[in-house]
């Protein structure tokens, strides 16, 4: 009999969502306006430590609004992390601009300050600085914000924090999403808290958020009739989804603790397996550990990420490779890219050697032990099938 499937990062309901949703129905405010939207925005802004926030239909919509507010247009460039999901960069194309991809660095797997500086220096010499930089906090781990902000501030280029995966993460006492000109969050079904689908744009610039509300509601002018002077979007979150988000938000800290515990159990449970390296933690930061991720050294183990993925699939366990770098995607293959070092392409190396493990905050102990056993079984099977000599492919 097949065992129940273990998913990578499923939604985790608190039990209070129905109460909040019933309240939204009772009030008859089910459209993209209402008390729960206002409160959800206020609660998230207060938690993150910013002055204002707007709840929108997705994290992608939040990035798009940020770029529109910065007046990114055709012919402009935007620097973006390459090691991320495509949604980080697609809004650049929406605006008709050109993405320039920046490699990761080994300490956080996030944007390399060295590569960013080289890209900025070249852009400055060419007289074509980017209109913005989009930095992703990958898998819940904060990027090196001091170094990245230093480069951006030196050239007076605004920084957008793509914190879609890092709500609840802190860096030197500051919350993820609070340090750039804008921060964006995602409440997709697989995120640490969910509204089923949705996102949020946050900023300390209240005028930007006021303009974002205008753009996100089809740029309607104040008039008795429908008057439009600017291109707008239908990007507001509904009051019903915001009510779900409010219930989820009450348990955010619990969800962070659960995912950090899951990471610790994986690390302890596989410490006997040489050649496995988990995503490092940046000093003076606390990751929400949205997903537990690791790399596998084939030269040391004889095991590939695909071996683990296929082995766990047989056990009805969902795993995924790490993000394929955007500069390697067919959609972006002609776009500019700056590596960490000429001889060191960090994002590509992590993609080729990395894997995401089931990390949902509702992952039960016996399920996690099943995952760990499955990985151990893959390693043992490889040892039995091959006479493996470290440093060589196969004998």
Protein backbone atom coordinates (compact mmCIF):
# COMPACT_ATOMS: atom_id res chain seq x y z
CA UNK A 1 0.00 0.00 0.00
CA UNK A 2 1.38 3.40 -1.03
CA UNK A 3 2.30 5.71 1.81
CA UNK A 4 0.62 9.14 2.04
CA UNK A 5 2.39 11.78 -0.01
CA UNK A 6 4.74 14.19 1.75
CA UNK A 7 4.58 17.58 0.03
CA UNK A 8 7.38 20.12 -0.21
CA UNK A 9 5.63 23.06 1.50
CA UNK A 10 1.85 22.70 1.81
CA UNK A 11 -0.49 25.27 3.39
CA UNK A 12 -0.82 25.02 7.17
CA UNK A 13 -4.12 26.28 8.54
CA UNK A 14 -4.27 27.64 12.09
CA UNK A 15 -7.91 26.73 12.68
CA UNK A 16 -8.99 30.38 12.99
CA UNK A 17 -9.31 31.09 9.27
CA UNK A 18 -12.99 30.10 9.12
CA UNK A 19 -13.85 32.57 11.88
CA UNK A 20 -12.20 35.45 10.01
CA UNK A 21 -13.74 34.42 6.68
CA UNK A 22 -17.23 34.14 8.22
CA UNK A 23 -16.77 37.62 9.60
CA UNK A 24 -15.96 38.91 6.10
CA UNK A 25 -19.09 37.21 4.72
CA UNK A 26 -21.31 38.50 7.51
CA UNK A 27 -20.17 42.05 6.80
CA UNK A 28 -20.79 41.51 3.05
CA UNK A 29 -17.37 43.05 2.33
CA UNK A 30 -16.10 40.37 -0.03
CA UNK A 31 -14.59 42.61 -2.73
CA UNK A 32 -11.08 44.17 -2.78
CA UNK A 33 -11.95 46.60 -0.01
CA UNK A 34 -12.88 46.14 3.63
CA UNK A 35 -11.85 46.03 7.26
CA UNK A 36 -9.69 42.90 6.99
CA UNK A 37 -7.59 44.36 4.18
CA UNK A 38 -6.94 47.49 6.21
CA UNK A 39 -6.03 45.50 9.32
CA UNK A 40 -3.88 42.98 7.43
CA UNK A 41 -1.84 45.81 5.90
CA UNK A 42 -1.50 47.54 9.26
CA UNK A 43 -0.45 44.35 11.07
CA UNK A 44 2.18 43.38 8.50
CA UNK A 45 3.59 46.92 8.31
CA UNK A 46 3.90 47.06 12.10
CA UNK A 47 5.57 43.64 12.28
CA UNK A 48 8.06 44.38 9.49
CA UNK A 49 8.76 47.85 10.90
CA UNK A 50 7.74 50.02 7.95
CA UNK A 51 5.38 52.96 7.67
CA UNK A 52 2.86 51.57 5.19
CA UNK A 53 1.80 48.55 3.15
CA UNK A 54 -0.64 47.58 0.41
CA UNK A 55 -2.11 44.08 0.01
CA UNK A 56 -2.17 42.93 -3.61
CA UNK A 57 -3.01 39.89 -5.71
CA UNK A 58 0.50 38.39 -5.75
CA UNK A 59 4.14 39.01 -4.95
CA UNK A 60 4.69 39.45 -8.69
CA UNK A 61 2.13 42.26 -8.73
CA UNK A 62 3.97 43.90 -5.83
CA UNK A 63 7.26 43.87 -7.77
CA UNK A 64 5.48 45.22 -10.85
CA UNK A 65 4.00 48.10 -8.84
CA UNK A 66 7.42 48.88 -7.32
CA UNK A 67 8.97 49.12 -10.79
CA UNK A 68 6.09 51.24 -12.08
CA UNK A 69 6.45 53.62 -9.12
CA UNK A 70 10.17 53.95 -9.88
CA UNK A 71 9.18 54.84 -13.47
CA UNK A 72 11.05 51.92 -15.02
CA UNK A 73 10.32 52.00 -18.73
CA UNK A 74 11.42 50.71 -22.12
CA UNK A 75 15.15 51.10 -22.62
CA UNK A 76 15.94 51.07 -18.89
CA UNK A 77 17.87 48.31 -17.12
CA UNK A 78 17.13 46.65 -13.79
CA UNK A 79 19.71 44.51 -11.97
CA UNK A 80 18.23 41.32 -10.51
CA UNK A 81 19.36 38.24 -8.61
CA UNK A 82 19.80 35.36 -11.05
CA UNK A 83 19.28 32.61 -8.45
CA UNK A 84 15.51 32.90 -8.02
CA UNK A 85 12.09 32.08 -9.43
CA UNK A 86 11.14 33.72 -12.72
CA UNK A 87 8.54 35.93 -10.98
CA UNK A 88 11.36 38.12 -9.64
CA UNK A 89 12.33 39.19 -13.15
CA UNK A 90 9.17 38.95 -15.25
CA UNK A 91 7.88 42.39 -14.12
CA UNK A 92 11.05 43.93 -15.59
CA UNK A 93 9.86 42.67 -18.96
CA UNK A 94 6.32 43.90 -18.24
CA UNK A 95 7.79 47.42 -18.15
CA UNK A 96 9.72 46.89 -21.38
CA UNK A 97 13.03 47.13 -19.54
CA UNK A 98 16.11 44.91 -19.73
CA UNK A 99 17.11 42.64 -16.83
CA UNK A 100 20.80 42.30 -15.96
CA UNK A 101 21.45 39.24 -13.82
CA UNK A 102 23.77 39.21 -10.83
CA UNK A 103 25.30 35.99 -9.49
CA UNK A 104 25.12 34.71 -5.90
CA UNK A 105 27.91 34.47 -3.34
CA UNK A 106 28.75 31.37 -1.24
CA UNK A 107 27.94 32.66 2.27
CA UNK A 108 24.20 33.20 1.75
CA UNK A 109 23.57 31.96 -1.83
CA UNK A 110 22.12 35.45 -2.42
CA UNK A 111 23.24 38.36 -4.59
CA UNK A 112 27.00 38.84 -4.69
CA UNK A 113 28.04 42.35 -3.57
CA UNK A 114 31.26 41.93 -5.58
CA UNK A 115 29.38 41.12 -8.78
CA UNK A 116 26.91 43.94 -8.13
CA UNK A 117 29.76 46.42 -7.72
CA UNK A 118 31.38 45.34 -10.99
CA UNK A 119 28.04 45.67 -12.78
CA UNK A 120 27.49 49.14 -11.29
CA UNK A 121 30.98 50.32 -12.18
CA UNK A 122 30.56 49.24 -15.80
CA UNK A 123 27.07 50.76 -16.01
CA UNK A 124 28.37 54.04 -14.56
CA UNK A 125 31.21 54.20 -17.08
CA UNK A 126 28.68 53.64 -19.87
CA UNK A 127 26.42 56.35 -18.43
CA UNK A 128 23.55 53.90 -18.05
CA UNK A 129 22.94 53.09 -14.38
CA UNK A 130 20.03 50.76 -13.62
CA UNK A 131 16.72 52.22 -12.50
CA UNK A 132 16.55 49.65 -9.67
CA UNK A 133 18.16 46.57 -8.14
CA UNK A 134 16.00 43.58 -7.13
CA UNK A 135 17.63 41.53 -4.36
CA UNK A 136 16.04 38.18 -3.45
CA UNK A 137 16.25 36.69 0.06
CA UNK A 138 16.49 33.09 -1.10
CA UNK A 139 14.73 30.26 0.75
CA UNK A 140 14.29 32.59 3.74
CA UNK A 141 17.97 33.54 4.10
CA UNK A 142 18.75 37.27 4.16
CA UNK A 143 21.21 38.64 1.64
CA UNK A 144 24.21 40.72 2.77
CA UNK A 145 22.15 43.87 2.94
CA UNK A 146 24.79 46.21 4.37
CA UNK A 147 27.15 45.53 1.47
CA UNK A 148 24.42 45.59 -1.18
CA UNK A 149 22.85 48.79 0.14
CA UNK A 150 26.28 50.39 0.29
CA UNK A 151 26.77 49.79 -3.45
CA UNK A 152 23.26 50.97 -4.33
CA UNK A 153 23.51 54.09 -2.16
CA UNK A 154 26.89 54.97 -3.65
CA UNK A 155 25.29 55.11 -7.09
CA UNK A 156 21.91 56.41 -5.86
CA UNK A 157 20.02 53.40 -7.21
CA UNK A 158 16.89 52.21 -5.31
CA UNK A 159 16.88 48.66 -3.97
CA UNK A 160 13.79 46.42 -3.98
CA UNK A 161 13.80 43.52 -1.52
CA UNK A 162 12.11 40.46 -2.97
CA UNK A 163 11.24 38.97 0.41
CA UNK A 164 8.63 36.59 -1.03
CA UNK A 165 10.28 33.68 0.77
CA UNK A 166 11.57 35.48 3.87
CA UNK A 167 8.69 36.89 5.93
CA UNK A 168 9.84 36.53 9.54
CA UNK A 169 13.55 36.66 8.70
CA UNK A 170 15.73 39.29 10.38
CA UNK A 171 19.10 40.83 9.53
CA UNK A 172 21.07 42.72 12.19
CA UNK A 173 17.88 43.50 14.09
CA UNK A 174 15.90 44.60 11.02
CA UNK A 175 13.12 42.57 9.46
CA UNK A 176 13.34 41.29 5.93
CA UNK A 177 11.59 43.69 3.55
CA UNK A 178 12.20 46.78 5.69
CA UNK A 179 15.63 47.87 4.45
CA UNK A 180 15.15 48.75 0.79
CA UNK A 181 13.08 51.41 -0.92
CA UNK A 182 10.43 48.69 -1.25
CA UNK A 183 9.90 45.25 0.20
CA UNK A 184 7.61 42.64 -1.31
CA UNK A 185 6.05 39.52 0.21
CA UNK A 186 4.18 36.58 -1.26
CA UNK A 187 1.28 34.71 0.33
CA UNK A 188 1.14 31.95 -2.27
CA UNK A 189 -0.04 28.55 -1.05
CA UNK A 190 3.50 27.27 -0.49
CA UNK A 191 4.77 30.24 1.53
CA UNK A 192 5.29 30.39 5.29
CA UNK A 193 1.83 31.93 5.66
CA UNK A 194 -0.76 32.03 2.90
CA UNK A 195 -3.88 33.80 1.73
CA UNK A 196 -4.17 31.05 -0.93
CA UNK A 197 -2.79 33.62 -3.36
CA UNK A 198 -1.69 37.18 -2.71
CA UNK A 199 1.16 39.47 -1.85
CA UNK A 200 2.10 42.75 -0.22
CA UNK A 201 4.18 45.80 -1.09
CA UNK A 202 5.71 47.65 1.87
CA UNK A 203 7.74 50.85 2.17
CA UNK A 204 8.78 53.62 4.52
CA UNK A 205 7.77 56.03 1.76
CA UNK A 206 4.06 56.56 2.42
CA UNK A 207 3.63 58.57 -0.78
CA UNK A 208 4.81 55.57 -2.81
CA UNK A 209 2.23 53.34 -1.13
CA UNK A 210 -0.51 55.93 -1.72
CA UNK A 211 0.38 55.92 -5.42
CA UNK A 212 0.50 52.11 -5.39
CA UNK A 213 -3.11 52.01 -4.16
CA UNK A 214 -4.07 54.30 -7.02
CA UNK A 215 -2.30 52.17 -9.64
CA UNK A 216 -3.57 48.88 -8.16
CA UNK A 217 -7.22 49.99 -8.52
CA UNK A 218 -7.12 50.75 -12.25
CA UNK A 219 -5.78 54.27 -11.61
CA UNK A 220 -9.25 55.69 -11.05
CA UNK A 221 -9.38 59.45 -10.63
CA UNK A 222 -11.54 61.14 -8.00
CA UNK A 223 -14.60 61.96 -10.08
CA UNK A 224 -18.33 61.16 -10.17
CA UNK A 225 -17.75 59.25 -13.40
CA UNK A 226 -14.92 56.85 -14.29
CA UNK A 227 -11.93 58.98 -15.24
CA UNK A 228 -8.48 57.58 -16.07
CA UNK A 229 -5.32 59.53 -16.87
CA UNK A 230 -2.76 56.79 -16.16
CA UNK A 231 -2.38 53.11 -17.01
CA UNK A 232 -3.53 51.13 -13.97
CA UNK A 233 -3.88 47.52 -12.86
CA UNK A 234 -6.43 45.29 -11.14
CA UNK A 235 -4.05 44.21 -8.37
CA UNK A 236 -5.89 44.60 -5.05
CA UNK A 237 -6.34 41.65 -2.68
CA UNK A 238 -9.91 40.73 -1.76
CA UNK A 239 -11.23 41.22 1.76
CA UNK A 240 -11.90 37.46 2.00
CA UNK A 241 -8.30 36.54 1.22
CA UNK A 242 -7.08 39.25 3.58
CA UNK A 243 -9.19 37.68 6.33
CA UNK A 244 -7.40 34.36 5.77
CA UNK A 245 -4.10 36.23 5.88
CA UNK A 246 -4.96 37.81 9.23
CA UNK A 247 -5.63 34.41 10.80
CA UNK A 248 -2.39 33.07 9.32
CA UNK A 249 -0.42 36.09 10.46
CA UNK A 250 -1.34 35.42 14.10
CA UNK A 251 0.76 32.23 14.02
CA UNK A 252 3.66 33.48 11.88
CA UNK A 253 6.20 33.24 14.71
CA UNK A 254 5.05 29.68 15.44
CA UNK A 255 5.53 28.79 11.78
CA UNK A 256 9.06 30.25 11.78
CA UNK A 257 9.97 28.25 14.88
CA UNK A 258 8.57 25.07 13.34
CA UNK A 259 10.53 25.45 10.11
CA UNK A 260 13.74 26.24 11.97
CA UNK A 261 13.23 23.10 14.06
CA UNK A 262 12.67 21.06 10.90
CA UNK A 263 15.98 22.37 9.53
CA UNK A 264 17.78 21.41 12.75
CA UNK A 265 16.33 17.88 12.65
CA UNK A 266 17.43 17.39 9.05
CA UNK A 267 20.92 18.65 9.82
CA UNK A 268 21.24 16.38 12.88
CA UNK A 269 19.62 13.42 11.12
CA UNK A 270 22.07 13.49 8.21
CA UNK A 271 25.27 14.52 9.96
CA UNK A 272 26.71 11.04 9.36
CA UNK A 273 26.44 11.51 5.59
CA UNK A 274 29.60 13.13 4.28
CA UNK A 275 29.38 15.38 1.24
CA UNK A 276 26.08 17.05 2.24
CA UNK A 277 26.18 20.80 2.89
CA UNK A 278 23.14 22.71 4.11
CA UNK A 279 22.40 26.32 3.19
CA UNK A 280 24.56 28.38 5.57
CA UNK A 281 23.22 30.90 8.07
CA UNK A 282 24.52 34.44 7.83
CA UNK A 283 25.99 35.77 11.06
CA UNK A 284 23.77 38.34 12.81
CA UNK A 285 20.71 37.13 10.91
CA UNK A 286 17.86 34.72 11.67
CA UNK A 287 16.43 32.87 8.69
CA UNK A 288 12.82 31.69 8.70
CA UNK A 289 14.16 28.53 6.98
CA UNK A 290 11.21 28.58 4.60
CA UNK A 291 12.72 25.57 2.83
CA UNK A 292 15.52 23.34 4.05
CA UNK A 293 17.99 23.19 1.17
CA UNK A 294 21.28 21.37 0.74
CA UNK A 295 23.93 20.55 -1.82
CA UNK A 296 25.48 17.16 -2.50
CA UNK A 297 29.15 16.76 -3.48
CA UNK A 298 29.17 14.05 -6.16
CA UNK A 299 32.95 13.69 -6.10
CA UNK A 300 32.76 12.80 -2.43
CA UNK A 301 29.55 10.76 -2.38
CA UNK A 302 28.82 9.38 -5.84
CA UNK A 303 25.26 10.68 -5.29
CA UNK A 304 23.54 13.31 -7.43
CA UNK A 305 20.52 15.46 -6.52
CA UNK A 306 18.58 13.54 -9.16
CA UNK A 307 19.38 10.26 -7.39
CA UNK A 308 17.80 11.67 -4.23
CA UNK A 309 14.81 13.17 -6.05
CA UNK A 310 14.04 9.93 -7.86
CA UNK A 311 14.68 7.80 -4.78
CA UNK A 312 12.31 9.88 -2.66
CA UNK A 313 9.73 9.99 -5.44
CA UNK A 314 9.47 6.21 -5.16
CA UNK A 315 8.63 6.77 -1.48
CA UNK A 316 5.93 9.32 -2.46
CA UNK A 317 7.99 12.26 -1.17
CA UNK A 318 8.07 15.55 -3.09
CA UNK A 319 11.45 17.26 -3.49
CA UNK A 320 12.72 19.86 -5.96
CA UNK A 321 16.04 21.00 -7.42
CA UNK A 322 17.21 24.46 -6.41
CA UNK A 323 16.15 27.32 -8.69
CA UNK A 324 17.64 27.23 -12.17
CA UNK A 325 19.50 30.56 -12.57
CA UNK A 326 17.55 33.00 -14.69
CA UNK A 327 20.49 33.79 -16.98
CA UNK A 328 20.39 30.11 -18.02
CA UNK A 329 16.65 30.16 -18.79
CA UNK A 330 15.69 30.25 -22.50
CA UNK A 331 13.55 33.33 -21.82
CA UNK A 332 16.61 35.31 -20.71
CA UNK A 333 19.49 33.64 -22.54
CA UNK A 334 20.55 36.80 -24.36
CA UNK A 335 20.56 39.00 -21.24
CA UNK A 336 23.68 40.31 -19.50
CA UNK A 337 25.03 38.43 -16.48
CA UNK A 338 27.77 39.12 -13.92
CA UNK A 339 29.33 36.13 -12.10
CA UNK A 340 30.60 36.24 -8.52
CA UNK A 341 34.09 35.83 -9.97
CA UNK A 342 35.13 35.11 -13.53
CA UNK A 343 35.96 31.54 -12.52
CA UNK A 344 33.25 31.09 -9.89
CA UNK A 345 29.59 30.89 -10.97
CA UNK A 346 27.94 30.28 -7.62
CA UNK A 347 24.26 30.13 -8.66
CA UNK A 348 24.99 27.62 -11.44
CA UNK A 349 27.00 25.42 -9.08
CA UNK A 350 24.24 25.45 -6.43
CA UNK A 351 21.59 24.63 -9.03
CA UNK A 352 23.58 21.68 -10.32
CA UNK A 353 24.27 20.24 -6.88
CA UNK A 354 21.28 21.35 -4.76
CA UNK A 355 17.94 20.04 -3.59
CA UNK A 356 14.95 21.33 -1.57
CA UNK A 357 13.54 19.01 1.10
CA UNK A 358 9.97 18.85 2.47
CA UNK A 359 9.79 21.70 4.98
CA UNK A 360 6.14 22.45 5.71
CA UNK A 361 5.49 23.66 9.24
CA UNK A 362 2.88 20.90 9.51
CA UNK A 363 5.44 18.19 8.68
CA UNK A 364 5.05 15.49 11.34
CA UNK A 365 8.07 13.95 13.06
CA UNK A 366 7.42 10.51 11.58
CA UNK A 367 7.18 12.04 8.10
CA UNK A 368 10.48 13.83 8.48
CA UNK A 369 12.12 10.62 9.68
CA UNK A 370 10.72 8.96 6.56
CA UNK A 371 12.45 11.59 4.40
CA UNK A 372 15.74 11.19 6.26
CA UNK A 373 15.57 7.40 5.96
CA UNK A 374 14.83 7.71 2.26
CA UNK A 375 17.95 9.84 1.72
CA UNK A 376 20.06 7.38 3.73
CA UNK A 377 18.66 4.56 1.61
CA UNK A 378 19.76 6.37 -1.58
CA UNK A 379 23.29 6.77 -0.22
CA UNK A 380 23.43 3.11 0.83
CA UNK A 381 22.11 1.94 -2.54
CA UNK A 382 24.81 3.90 -4.37
CA UNK A 383 27.49 2.36 -2.14
CA UNK A 384 26.19 -1.12 -2.88
CA UNK A 385 25.96 -0.58 -6.65
CA UNK A 386 29.35 1.04 -7.17
CA UNK A 387 32.91 0.63 -6.03
CA UNK A 388 33.25 4.31 -5.30
CA UNK A 389 36.61 6.06 -4.89
CA UNK A 390 36.41 9.65 -3.57
CA UNK A 391 37.68 12.12 -6.15
CA UNK A 392 36.80 9.87 -9.10
CA UNK A 393 33.56 9.45 -10.99
CA UNK A 394 33.23 5.68 -10.91
CA UNK A 395 35.27 2.50 -11.20
